[in-house]
N, C-alpha and C. Protein backbone atom coordinates (compact mmCIF):
# COMPACT_ATOMS: atom_id res chain seq x y z
N MET A 1 -68.31 72.84 25.50
CA MET A 1 -67.18 72.77 24.54
C MET A 1 -66.07 72.60 25.58
N GLU A 2 -65.03 71.63 25.23
CA GLU A 2 -64.08 71.29 26.03
C GLU A 2 -62.62 71.91 25.37
N PHE A 3 -62.05 72.69 26.28
CA PHE A 3 -60.84 73.45 25.76
C PHE A 3 -59.60 72.60 26.22
N ILE A 4 -58.58 72.83 25.58
CA ILE A 4 -57.19 72.23 25.83
C ILE A 4 -56.74 73.01 26.93
N THR A 5 -56.16 72.42 28.04
CA THR A 5 -55.75 73.31 29.15
C THR A 5 -54.02 73.09 29.31
N GLN A 6 -53.63 72.30 28.44
CA GLN A 6 -52.09 72.18 28.53
C GLN A 6 -51.51 73.23 27.49
N PRO A 7 -50.23 73.66 27.92
CA PRO A 7 -49.63 74.72 26.98
C PRO A 7 -49.19 73.97 25.76
N TRP A 8 -48.91 74.88 24.71
CA TRP A 8 -48.44 74.36 23.38
C TRP A 8 -47.29 73.84 23.48
N ALA A 9 -46.89 72.97 22.80
CA ALA A 9 -45.44 72.24 22.73
C ALA A 9 -44.38 73.23 22.01
N TRP A 10 -43.41 73.27 22.54
CA TRP A 10 -42.23 74.14 22.09
C TRP A 10 -42.19 74.08 20.64
N TYR A 11 -42.36 72.92 19.93
CA TYR A 11 -42.32 73.03 18.46
C TYR A 11 -43.43 73.70 17.74
N ILE A 12 -44.38 74.10 18.39
CA ILE A 12 -45.49 74.92 17.93
C ILE A 12 -45.29 76.30 18.37
N ALA A 13 -45.25 76.49 19.69
CA ALA A 13 -45.16 77.89 20.02
C ALA A 13 -43.92 78.67 19.63
N GLY A 14 -42.63 77.87 19.53
CA GLY A 14 -41.43 78.46 19.13
C GLY A 14 -41.59 79.07 17.69
N PRO A 15 -41.89 78.29 16.74
CA PRO A 15 -41.93 78.95 15.38
C PRO A 15 -43.11 79.94 15.30
N ILE A 16 -44.13 79.99 15.95
CA ILE A 16 -45.17 81.02 16.04
C ILE A 16 -44.45 82.29 16.51
N ILE A 17 -43.74 82.22 17.42
CA ILE A 17 -42.92 83.55 18.21
C ILE A 17 -41.88 83.90 16.97
N SER A 18 -41.23 82.86 16.44
CA SER A 18 -40.26 83.30 15.45
C SER A 18 -40.90 84.11 14.30
N VAL A 19 -42.19 83.66 13.77
CA VAL A 19 -42.78 84.31 12.71
C VAL A 19 -43.10 85.63 12.97
N VAL A 20 -43.78 85.81 14.25
CA VAL A 20 -44.14 87.01 14.70
C VAL A 20 -42.88 88.13 14.90
N MET A 21 -41.70 87.62 15.35
CA MET A 21 -40.69 88.46 15.46
C MET A 21 -40.18 88.95 14.05
N PHE A 22 -40.17 87.96 13.14
CA PHE A 22 -39.78 88.22 11.94
C PHE A 22 -40.56 89.19 11.16
N LEU A 23 -41.95 89.04 11.22
CA LEU A 23 -42.91 90.20 10.80
C LEU A 23 -42.60 91.46 11.56
N LEU A 24 -42.37 91.60 12.79
CA LEU A 24 -42.07 92.84 13.39
C LEU A 24 -40.79 93.44 12.83
N PHE A 25 -39.85 92.64 12.73
CA PHE A 25 -38.34 93.02 12.15
C PHE A 25 -38.72 93.56 10.84
N TYR A 26 -39.55 92.80 9.88
CA TYR A 26 -39.67 93.18 8.51
C TYR A 26 -40.48 94.45 8.30
N PHE A 27 -41.25 94.81 9.43
CA PHE A 27 -42.00 96.06 9.21
C PHE A 27 -41.45 97.18 10.26
N GLY A 28 -40.31 96.90 10.73
CA GLY A 28 -39.64 98.05 11.45
C GLY A 28 -40.24 98.27 12.82
N GLU A 29 -40.78 97.21 13.38
CA GLU A 29 -41.52 97.46 14.68
C GLU A 29 -40.55 96.68 15.64
N ARG A 30 -40.67 97.26 17.02
CA ARG A 30 -40.09 96.33 18.00
C ARG A 30 -41.20 95.96 19.08
N PHE A 31 -40.91 94.86 19.61
CA PHE A 31 -42.00 94.27 20.58
C PHE A 31 -41.40 94.44 22.01
N GLY A 32 -42.40 94.63 22.86
CA GLY A 32 -42.19 94.81 24.32
C GLY A 32 -43.44 95.46 25.02
N VAL A 33 -43.73 94.86 26.07
CA VAL A 33 -44.85 95.34 26.85
C VAL A 33 -44.72 96.84 27.34
N SER A 34 -43.42 97.17 27.75
CA SER A 34 -43.28 98.55 28.23
C SER A 34 -43.48 99.58 27.08
N SER A 35 -43.48 99.18 25.74
CA SER A 35 -43.68 100.23 24.67
C SER A 35 -45.23 100.29 24.54
N ASN A 36 -45.94 99.15 24.91
CA ASN A 36 -47.44 99.32 24.72
C ASN A 36 -47.96 100.08 26.01
N LEU A 37 -47.40 100.01 27.13
CA LEU A 37 -47.67 100.85 28.21
C LEU A 37 -47.44 102.39 27.71
N GLU A 38 -46.29 102.67 27.14
CA GLU A 38 -45.85 104.06 26.90
C GLU A 38 -46.87 104.43 25.89
N THR A 39 -47.52 103.72 25.02
CA THR A 39 -48.42 104.26 24.14
C THR A 39 -49.69 104.56 24.70
N LEU A 40 -50.11 103.70 25.71
CA LEU A 40 -51.52 104.02 26.57
C LEU A 40 -51.23 105.31 27.29
N CYS A 41 -50.07 105.41 28.04
CA CYS A 41 -49.77 106.51 28.69
C CYS A 41 -49.83 107.89 27.91
N SER A 42 -49.33 107.83 26.51
CA SER A 42 -49.41 108.82 25.72
C SER A 42 -50.86 109.23 25.29
N ILE A 43 -51.61 108.20 25.07
CA ILE A 43 -52.94 108.40 24.71
C ILE A 43 -53.71 109.05 25.91
N GLY A 44 -53.43 108.53 27.05
CA GLY A 44 -54.04 109.30 28.24
C GLY A 44 -53.64 110.75 28.65
N GLY A 45 -52.60 111.12 27.89
CA GLY A 45 -52.25 112.67 28.26
C GLY A 45 -51.09 112.75 29.07
N ALA A 46 -50.31 111.72 29.26
CA ALA A 46 -49.32 111.70 30.30
C ALA A 46 -48.09 112.69 29.57
N GLY A 47 -48.08 113.03 28.25
CA GLY A 47 -47.17 113.98 27.65
C GLY A 47 -47.37 115.35 28.23
N LYS A 48 -48.40 115.63 28.73
CA LYS A 48 -48.76 116.99 29.38
C LYS A 48 -47.76 117.09 30.69
N PHE A 49 -47.61 116.11 31.22
CA PHE A 49 -46.84 116.12 32.49
C PHE A 49 -45.38 115.63 32.45
N VAL A 50 -45.02 114.56 31.49
CA VAL A 50 -43.77 114.17 31.36
C VAL A 50 -43.29 114.12 30.06
N ASP A 51 -42.18 114.66 29.72
CA ASP A 51 -41.71 114.83 28.18
C ASP A 51 -41.54 113.53 27.48
N TYR A 52 -41.19 112.46 28.36
CA TYR A 52 -40.88 111.13 27.73
C TYR A 52 -42.10 110.75 27.02
N PHE A 53 -43.36 111.07 27.38
CA PHE A 53 -44.51 110.58 26.79
C PHE A 53 -45.15 111.30 25.78
N LYS A 54 -44.34 112.52 25.28
CA LYS A 54 -44.65 113.22 24.14
C LYS A 54 -44.37 112.56 22.95
N ILE A 55 -44.88 111.72 22.46
CA ILE A 55 -44.78 110.87 21.22
C ILE A 55 -45.99 110.82 20.43
N ASP A 56 -45.88 110.53 19.13
CA ASP A 56 -46.99 110.56 18.29
C ASP A 56 -47.46 109.04 18.51
N TRP A 57 -48.45 108.78 19.35
CA TRP A 57 -48.99 107.43 19.59
C TRP A 57 -49.56 106.81 18.43
N LYS A 58 -50.19 107.55 17.59
CA LYS A 58 -50.75 107.03 16.27
C LYS A 58 -49.84 106.22 15.32
N GLN A 59 -48.32 106.46 15.59
CA GLN A 59 -47.49 105.71 14.93
C GLN A 59 -47.24 104.43 15.47
N ASN A 60 -47.93 104.16 16.68
CA ASN A 60 -47.84 102.64 17.47
C ASN A 60 -49.08 102.20 17.66
N THR A 61 -50.04 102.37 16.78
CA THR A 61 -51.35 101.83 17.06
C THR A 61 -51.37 100.41 17.07
N TRP A 62 -50.54 99.68 16.37
CA TRP A 62 -50.54 98.24 16.45
C TRP A 62 -50.29 97.89 18.02
N ASN A 63 -49.74 98.65 18.86
CA ASN A 63 -49.75 98.27 20.30
C ASN A 63 -50.99 98.18 20.89
N LEU A 64 -51.99 98.75 20.46
CA LEU A 64 -53.31 98.80 21.06
C LEU A 64 -53.77 97.37 20.79
N VAL A 65 -53.59 96.94 19.43
CA VAL A 65 -54.02 95.63 19.11
C VAL A 65 -53.35 94.41 20.15
N PHE A 66 -52.06 94.73 20.41
CA PHE A 66 -51.47 93.92 21.26
C PHE A 66 -51.96 93.90 22.69
N VAL A 67 -52.32 95.07 23.20
CA VAL A 67 -52.90 95.31 24.59
C VAL A 67 -54.31 94.47 24.60
N ALA A 68 -55.01 94.75 23.56
CA ALA A 68 -56.54 94.27 23.41
C ALA A 68 -56.26 92.67 23.51
N GLY A 69 -55.42 92.21 22.73
CA GLY A 69 -55.16 90.59 22.81
C GLY A 69 -54.65 90.28 24.10
N ALA A 70 -53.75 90.90 24.70
CA ALA A 70 -53.36 90.58 26.07
C ALA A 70 -54.50 90.38 26.96
N ILE A 71 -55.38 91.38 27.05
CA ILE A 71 -56.55 91.50 28.00
C ILE A 71 -57.57 90.21 27.66
N THR A 72 -57.84 90.06 26.23
CA THR A 72 -58.60 89.00 25.97
C THR A 72 -58.05 87.57 26.19
N GLY A 73 -56.65 87.48 25.90
CA GLY A 73 -56.00 86.44 26.32
C GLY A 73 -55.98 85.86 27.72
N GLY A 74 -55.82 86.92 28.53
CA GLY A 74 -55.84 86.84 30.03
C GLY A 74 -57.25 86.34 30.57
N PHE A 75 -58.18 86.82 29.86
CA PHE A 75 -59.40 86.55 30.24
C PHE A 75 -59.92 85.01 29.99
N VAL A 76 -59.41 84.77 28.66
CA VAL A 76 -59.70 83.35 28.23
C VAL A 76 -58.80 82.28 29.15
N ALA A 77 -57.66 82.73 29.32
CA ALA A 77 -56.76 81.86 30.13
C ALA A 77 -57.19 81.57 31.37
N ALA A 78 -57.78 82.68 32.11
CA ALA A 78 -58.24 82.73 33.39
C ALA A 78 -59.47 81.85 33.59
N TYR A 79 -60.37 81.89 32.61
CA TYR A 79 -61.61 81.36 32.72
C TYR A 79 -61.88 79.96 31.85
N TRP A 80 -61.02 79.68 31.10
CA TRP A 80 -61.26 78.52 30.36
C TRP A 80 -59.92 77.68 30.20
N LEU A 81 -58.71 78.02 30.37
CA LEU A 81 -57.59 77.43 30.14
C LEU A 81 -56.74 77.32 31.50
N SER A 82 -57.07 77.63 32.50
CA SER A 82 -56.41 77.53 33.74
C SER A 82 -56.65 76.26 34.43
N PRO A 83 -55.80 75.43 34.74
CA PRO A 83 -56.13 74.03 35.27
C PRO A 83 -56.55 74.22 36.74
N SER A 84 -57.62 73.42 37.00
CA SER A 84 -58.22 73.46 38.48
C SER A 84 -57.61 72.31 39.24
N ASP A 85 -56.78 71.49 38.61
CA ASP A 85 -56.12 70.37 39.44
C ASP A 85 -55.19 70.89 40.52
N VAL A 86 -54.79 69.89 41.30
CA VAL A 86 -53.83 70.08 42.28
C VAL A 86 -52.59 70.13 41.51
N VAL A 87 -51.54 71.07 41.73
CA VAL A 87 -50.24 71.25 41.29
C VAL A 87 -49.24 70.32 42.01
N ALA A 88 -48.64 69.53 41.20
CA ALA A 88 -47.71 68.56 41.89
C ALA A 88 -46.38 69.35 42.32
N LEU A 89 -46.21 69.61 43.36
CA LEU A 89 -44.99 70.27 43.87
C LEU A 89 -44.14 69.49 44.75
N ASN A 90 -42.74 69.70 44.59
CA ASN A 90 -41.78 69.00 45.39
C ASN A 90 -42.15 69.38 46.95
N PRO A 91 -42.28 68.24 47.83
CA PRO A 91 -42.62 68.45 49.30
C PRO A 91 -41.88 69.49 49.83
N GLN A 92 -40.58 69.63 49.58
CA GLN A 92 -39.68 70.55 50.09
C GLN A 92 -39.99 71.80 49.70
N THR A 93 -40.56 72.25 48.50
CA THR A 93 -41.04 73.30 48.09
C THR A 93 -42.32 73.79 48.82
N VAL A 94 -43.14 72.82 48.92
CA VAL A 94 -44.41 73.09 49.89
C VAL A 94 -44.15 73.60 51.20
N GLN A 95 -43.06 72.84 51.79
CA GLN A 95 -42.73 73.23 53.10
C GLN A 95 -41.91 74.67 53.23
N ASP A 96 -41.15 74.94 52.26
CA ASP A 96 -40.57 76.16 52.14
C ASP A 96 -41.49 77.50 51.81
N LEU A 97 -42.55 77.10 51.08
CA LEU A 97 -43.62 78.07 50.93
C LEU A 97 -44.50 78.16 52.22
N ALA A 98 -44.64 77.06 52.83
CA ALA A 98 -45.28 77.20 54.19
C ALA A 98 -44.74 77.95 55.25
N ASP A 99 -43.28 77.79 55.19
CA ASP A 99 -42.60 78.44 56.19
C ASP A 99 -42.56 80.11 56.06
N ILE A 100 -42.91 80.51 54.90
CA ILE A 100 -43.06 82.03 54.70
C ILE A 100 -44.46 82.34 54.75
N GLY A 101 -45.46 81.46 54.81
CA GLY A 101 -46.82 81.94 55.03
C GLY A 101 -47.84 81.53 53.92
N ILE A 102 -47.22 80.91 52.95
CA ILE A 102 -48.12 80.41 51.80
C ILE A 102 -48.59 79.00 52.20
N MET A 103 -49.72 79.01 52.88
CA MET A 103 -50.25 77.52 53.21
C MET A 103 -50.84 76.91 51.97
N ASN A 104 -51.20 75.49 52.06
CA ASN A 104 -51.81 74.79 51.12
C ASN A 104 -51.13 75.07 49.61
N ALA A 105 -50.00 75.09 49.58
CA ALA A 105 -49.15 75.37 48.15
C ALA A 105 -49.39 74.17 47.40
N GLY A 106 -49.91 74.34 46.16
CA GLY A 106 -50.16 73.30 45.19
C GLY A 106 -51.55 72.86 45.33
N ALA A 107 -52.26 73.18 46.17
CA ALA A 107 -53.77 72.87 46.38
C ALA A 107 -54.60 73.49 45.26
N THR A 108 -54.22 74.67 44.92
CA THR A 108 -54.72 75.30 43.97
C THR A 108 -53.61 75.91 43.09
N TYR A 109 -53.99 76.34 41.76
CA TYR A 109 -53.10 76.70 40.72
C TYR A 109 -52.38 77.91 41.08
N LEU A 110 -53.15 79.02 41.64
CA LEU A 110 -52.79 80.09 42.18
C LEU A 110 -53.04 80.43 43.59
N PRO A 111 -52.11 80.56 44.46
CA PRO A 111 -52.22 80.55 46.03
C PRO A 111 -53.00 81.87 46.20
N ASP A 112 -54.00 81.78 47.08
CA ASP A 112 -54.75 82.85 47.47
C ASP A 112 -54.01 84.01 48.39
N GLU A 113 -52.81 83.50 48.97
CA GLU A 113 -51.97 84.41 49.73
C GLU A 113 -51.43 85.41 49.03
N ILE A 114 -51.39 85.21 47.81
CA ILE A 114 -50.71 86.14 46.76
C ILE A 114 -51.69 86.71 45.84
N PHE A 115 -52.63 85.91 45.30
CA PHE A 115 -53.38 86.42 44.05
C PHE A 115 -54.85 86.65 44.46
N SER A 116 -55.38 86.45 45.50
CA SER A 116 -56.86 86.66 45.75
C SER A 116 -57.03 88.17 45.66
N VAL A 117 -58.21 88.52 45.42
CA VAL A 117 -58.76 90.02 45.41
C VAL A 117 -58.56 90.64 46.91
N ASP A 118 -58.80 89.80 47.92
CA ASP A 118 -58.83 90.24 49.16
C ASP A 118 -57.34 90.58 49.53
N THR A 119 -56.60 89.79 49.14
CA THR A 119 -55.03 90.05 49.42
C THR A 119 -54.61 91.26 48.69
N MET A 120 -55.01 91.48 47.56
CA MET A 120 -54.53 92.83 46.69
C MET A 120 -55.24 93.96 47.33
N LEU A 121 -56.32 93.95 48.00
CA LEU A 121 -57.06 95.15 48.54
C LEU A 121 -56.75 95.28 49.82
N SER A 122 -55.97 94.41 50.55
CA SER A 122 -55.43 94.72 51.82
C SER A 122 -54.34 95.81 51.74
N PHE A 123 -53.99 96.40 52.85
CA PHE A 123 -52.90 97.56 52.87
C PHE A 123 -51.60 97.01 52.45
N LYS A 124 -51.32 95.82 53.03
CA LYS A 124 -50.16 95.20 52.46
C LYS A 124 -50.05 94.78 51.13
N GLY A 125 -51.12 94.25 50.71
CA GLY A 125 -51.06 93.76 49.20
C GLY A 125 -51.00 95.01 48.27
N PHE A 126 -51.77 96.12 48.65
CA PHE A 126 -51.74 97.23 47.85
C PHE A 126 -50.34 97.90 47.98
N PHE A 127 -49.67 98.03 49.19
CA PHE A 127 -48.49 98.54 49.14
C PHE A 127 -47.41 97.52 48.30
N ILE A 128 -47.53 96.36 48.29
CA ILE A 128 -46.59 95.43 47.59
C ILE A 128 -46.65 95.85 46.12
N LEU A 129 -47.88 95.92 45.52
CA LEU A 129 -48.43 96.14 44.18
C LEU A 129 -47.79 97.47 43.78
N LEU A 130 -48.10 98.44 44.70
CA LEU A 130 -47.65 99.83 44.33
C LEU A 130 -46.07 99.97 44.23
N ILE A 131 -45.41 99.25 45.23
CA ILE A 131 -43.81 99.36 45.12
C ILE A 131 -43.42 98.52 43.94
N ALA A 132 -43.99 97.35 43.77
CA ALA A 132 -43.61 96.45 42.60
C ALA A 132 -43.80 97.29 41.28
N GLY A 133 -44.94 97.78 40.96
CA GLY A 133 -45.17 98.62 39.89
C GLY A 133 -44.26 99.64 39.57
N ILE A 134 -43.82 100.46 40.86
CA ILE A 134 -42.89 101.43 40.54
C ILE A 134 -41.44 100.89 40.12
N MET A 135 -41.19 99.81 40.80
CA MET A 135 -39.79 99.17 40.57
C MET A 135 -39.77 98.72 39.01
N VAL A 136 -40.76 97.93 38.56
CA VAL A 136 -40.93 97.50 37.36
C VAL A 136 -40.93 98.47 36.31
N GLY A 137 -41.58 99.61 36.51
CA GLY A 137 -41.48 100.83 35.62
C GLY A 137 -40.29 101.42 35.52
N PHE A 138 -39.57 101.80 36.72
CA PHE A 138 -38.28 102.40 36.70
C PHE A 138 -37.26 101.44 36.14
N GLY A 139 -37.13 100.06 36.34
CA GLY A 139 -36.42 99.25 35.76
C GLY A 139 -36.66 99.08 34.18
N ALA A 140 -37.71 99.19 33.81
CA ALA A 140 -37.96 98.98 32.14
C ALA A 140 -37.38 100.31 31.76
N ARG A 141 -37.62 101.36 32.26
CA ARG A 141 -37.28 102.81 31.72
C ARG A 141 -35.71 102.79 31.75
N TRP A 142 -35.00 102.39 32.92
CA TRP A 142 -33.67 102.48 33.01
C TRP A 142 -32.98 101.43 31.95
N ALA A 143 -33.54 100.25 31.74
CA ALA A 143 -32.85 99.31 31.01
C ALA A 143 -33.25 99.61 29.48
N GLY A 144 -34.19 100.37 29.36
CA GLY A 144 -34.55 100.64 27.98
C GLY A 144 -35.41 99.78 27.35
N GLY A 145 -36.17 99.10 28.19
CA GLY A 145 -37.03 98.05 27.72
C GLY A 145 -37.60 97.15 28.76
N CYS A 146 -38.38 96.30 28.53
CA CYS A 146 -38.86 95.29 29.42
C CYS A 146 -38.28 93.97 29.16
N THR A 147 -38.64 93.05 30.19
CA THR A 147 -38.19 91.71 29.88
C THR A 147 -38.48 91.06 28.53
N SER A 148 -39.67 91.22 28.21
CA SER A 148 -40.14 90.46 26.97
C SER A 148 -39.40 91.13 25.74
N GLY A 149 -39.30 92.43 25.73
CA GLY A 149 -38.50 93.16 24.75
C GLY A 149 -37.10 92.75 24.54
N HIS A 150 -36.44 92.79 25.74
CA HIS A 150 -34.93 92.56 25.71
C HIS A 150 -34.80 91.06 25.53
N ALA A 151 -35.54 90.24 26.18
CA ALA A 151 -35.16 88.56 26.06
C ALA A 151 -35.74 87.98 24.70
N ILE A 152 -36.93 88.49 24.02
CA ILE A 152 -37.29 88.04 22.87
C ILE A 152 -36.70 88.80 21.67
N VAL A 153 -36.84 89.98 21.72
CA VAL A 153 -36.43 90.86 20.50
C VAL A 153 -34.98 91.08 20.60
N GLY A 154 -34.44 91.79 21.69
CA GLY A 154 -33.17 92.14 21.88
C GLY A 154 -32.05 91.04 21.58
N LEU A 155 -32.37 89.87 22.35
CA LEU A 155 -31.54 88.67 22.08
C LEU A 155 -31.57 88.09 20.74
N SER A 156 -32.73 88.15 20.17
CA SER A 156 -32.78 87.67 18.78
C SER A 156 -32.06 88.49 17.77
N ASN A 157 -32.03 89.73 18.15
CA ASN A 157 -31.27 90.60 17.39
C ASN A 157 -29.69 90.79 17.66
N LEU A 158 -29.34 89.86 18.53
CA LEU A 158 -27.92 89.68 19.20
C LEU A 158 -27.43 91.07 19.82
N GLU A 159 -28.25 91.78 20.40
CA GLU A 159 -27.92 93.05 21.14
C GLU A 159 -27.25 92.76 22.41
N ILE A 160 -26.05 93.23 22.65
CA ILE A 160 -25.33 93.35 23.86
C ILE A 160 -26.09 93.93 25.08
N PRO A 161 -26.67 95.14 24.81
CA PRO A 161 -27.45 95.48 25.94
C PRO A 161 -28.41 94.69 26.37
N SER A 162 -29.20 94.17 25.39
CA SER A 162 -30.27 93.29 25.91
C SER A 162 -29.80 92.16 26.73
N LEU A 163 -28.61 91.60 26.23
CA LEU A 163 -27.93 90.37 27.14
C LEU A 163 -27.80 90.86 28.37
N ILE A 164 -27.11 91.89 28.59
CA ILE A 164 -26.77 92.64 30.03
C ILE A 164 -28.12 92.82 30.66
N SER A 165 -29.08 93.36 30.05
CA SER A 165 -30.42 93.47 30.79
C SER A 165 -30.84 92.21 31.22
N VAL A 166 -30.90 91.21 30.33
CA VAL A 166 -31.48 89.82 30.64
C VAL A 166 -30.76 89.29 31.98
N ILE A 167 -29.54 89.35 31.86
CA ILE A 167 -28.60 88.95 33.04
C ILE A 167 -29.22 89.51 34.21
N GLY A 168 -29.34 90.92 34.22
CA GLY A 168 -29.75 91.86 35.39
C GLY A 168 -31.06 91.34 35.80
N PHE A 169 -32.03 90.92 34.77
CA PHE A 169 -33.33 90.46 35.18
C PHE A 169 -33.37 89.16 36.03
N PHE A 170 -32.49 88.24 35.45
CA PHE A 170 -32.38 87.08 36.19
C PHE A 170 -31.72 87.10 37.68
N ILE A 171 -30.87 88.03 37.79
CA ILE A 171 -30.24 88.38 39.13
C ILE A 171 -31.22 88.91 39.87
N GLY A 172 -31.98 89.80 39.45
CA GLY A 172 -33.14 90.61 40.33
C GLY A 172 -34.10 89.49 40.66
N GLY A 173 -34.50 88.59 39.87
CA GLY A 173 -35.42 87.55 40.15
C GLY A 173 -35.03 86.62 41.22
N LEU A 174 -33.75 86.30 41.30
CA LEU A 174 -33.06 85.56 42.30
C LEU A 174 -32.91 86.09 43.60
N VAL A 175 -32.63 87.53 43.59
CA VAL A 175 -32.53 88.09 44.87
C VAL A 175 -34.00 88.31 45.30
N MET A 176 -35.05 88.56 44.45
CA MET A 176 -36.33 88.90 44.88
C MET A 176 -36.78 87.47 45.62
N THR A 177 -36.56 86.34 45.05
CA THR A 177 -37.19 84.91 45.27
C THR A 177 -36.34 84.55 46.61
N TRP A 178 -35.20 84.53 46.79
CA TRP A 178 -34.54 84.09 47.83
C TRP A 178 -34.22 85.09 49.00
N LEU A 179 -34.18 86.49 48.85
CA LEU A 179 -33.96 87.46 49.78
C LEU A 179 -35.14 88.23 50.21
N ILE A 180 -35.71 88.89 49.40
CA ILE A 180 -36.91 89.89 49.57
C ILE A 180 -38.24 89.21 49.87
N LEU A 181 -38.60 88.03 49.03
CA LEU A 181 -39.95 87.52 49.22
C LEU A 181 -40.07 86.80 50.53
N PRO A 182 -39.14 86.14 51.30
CA PRO A 182 -39.31 85.61 52.63
C PRO A 182 -39.34 86.67 53.63
N LEU A 183 -38.88 87.85 53.30
CA LEU A 183 -39.03 89.12 54.28
C LEU A 183 -40.52 89.65 54.23
N ILE A 184 -41.09 89.56 52.90
CA ILE A 184 -42.45 90.16 52.81
C ILE A 184 -43.50 89.31 53.47
N PHE A 185 -43.31 88.06 53.33
CA PHE A 185 -44.23 86.93 53.88
C PHE A 185 -43.80 86.75 55.27
């Protein structure tokens, strides 16, 4: 069976996201990956150690459906929808990535210097993942939600705190890309 490996067009994906956001709004739910992780931590008993997780997770069981879908979707995308072709990158981008240690950029969809199991299990890779996880968790908690929650739900509800958070996410991404990432590699 041959699967389509191209992303859905904006005129298909956009309305689907709009319908999902409308349904969540209609049923009084909010969307965001950090709320799903909050539910999982509550199920795992984190409320015994941190008051923040003392919530009735049964009110958020729909989050478990989202987590199951994310895991299933990630598996399907990784094994059947990821292109194996060479990625056409600007030669200057290839050179810039080579300068910071990412060789053969564009030869594969995901560069081994960042995404291989060996890299993640090295001391440096594990340390980067640990620090990144702490920073993302702290940032999501401090901002009152994650990037998807603020950018999709908060902005569609015209919430000023979400606009401020999204601007902060973009500034953080630029700082990471141009200042910190070159220092790491």
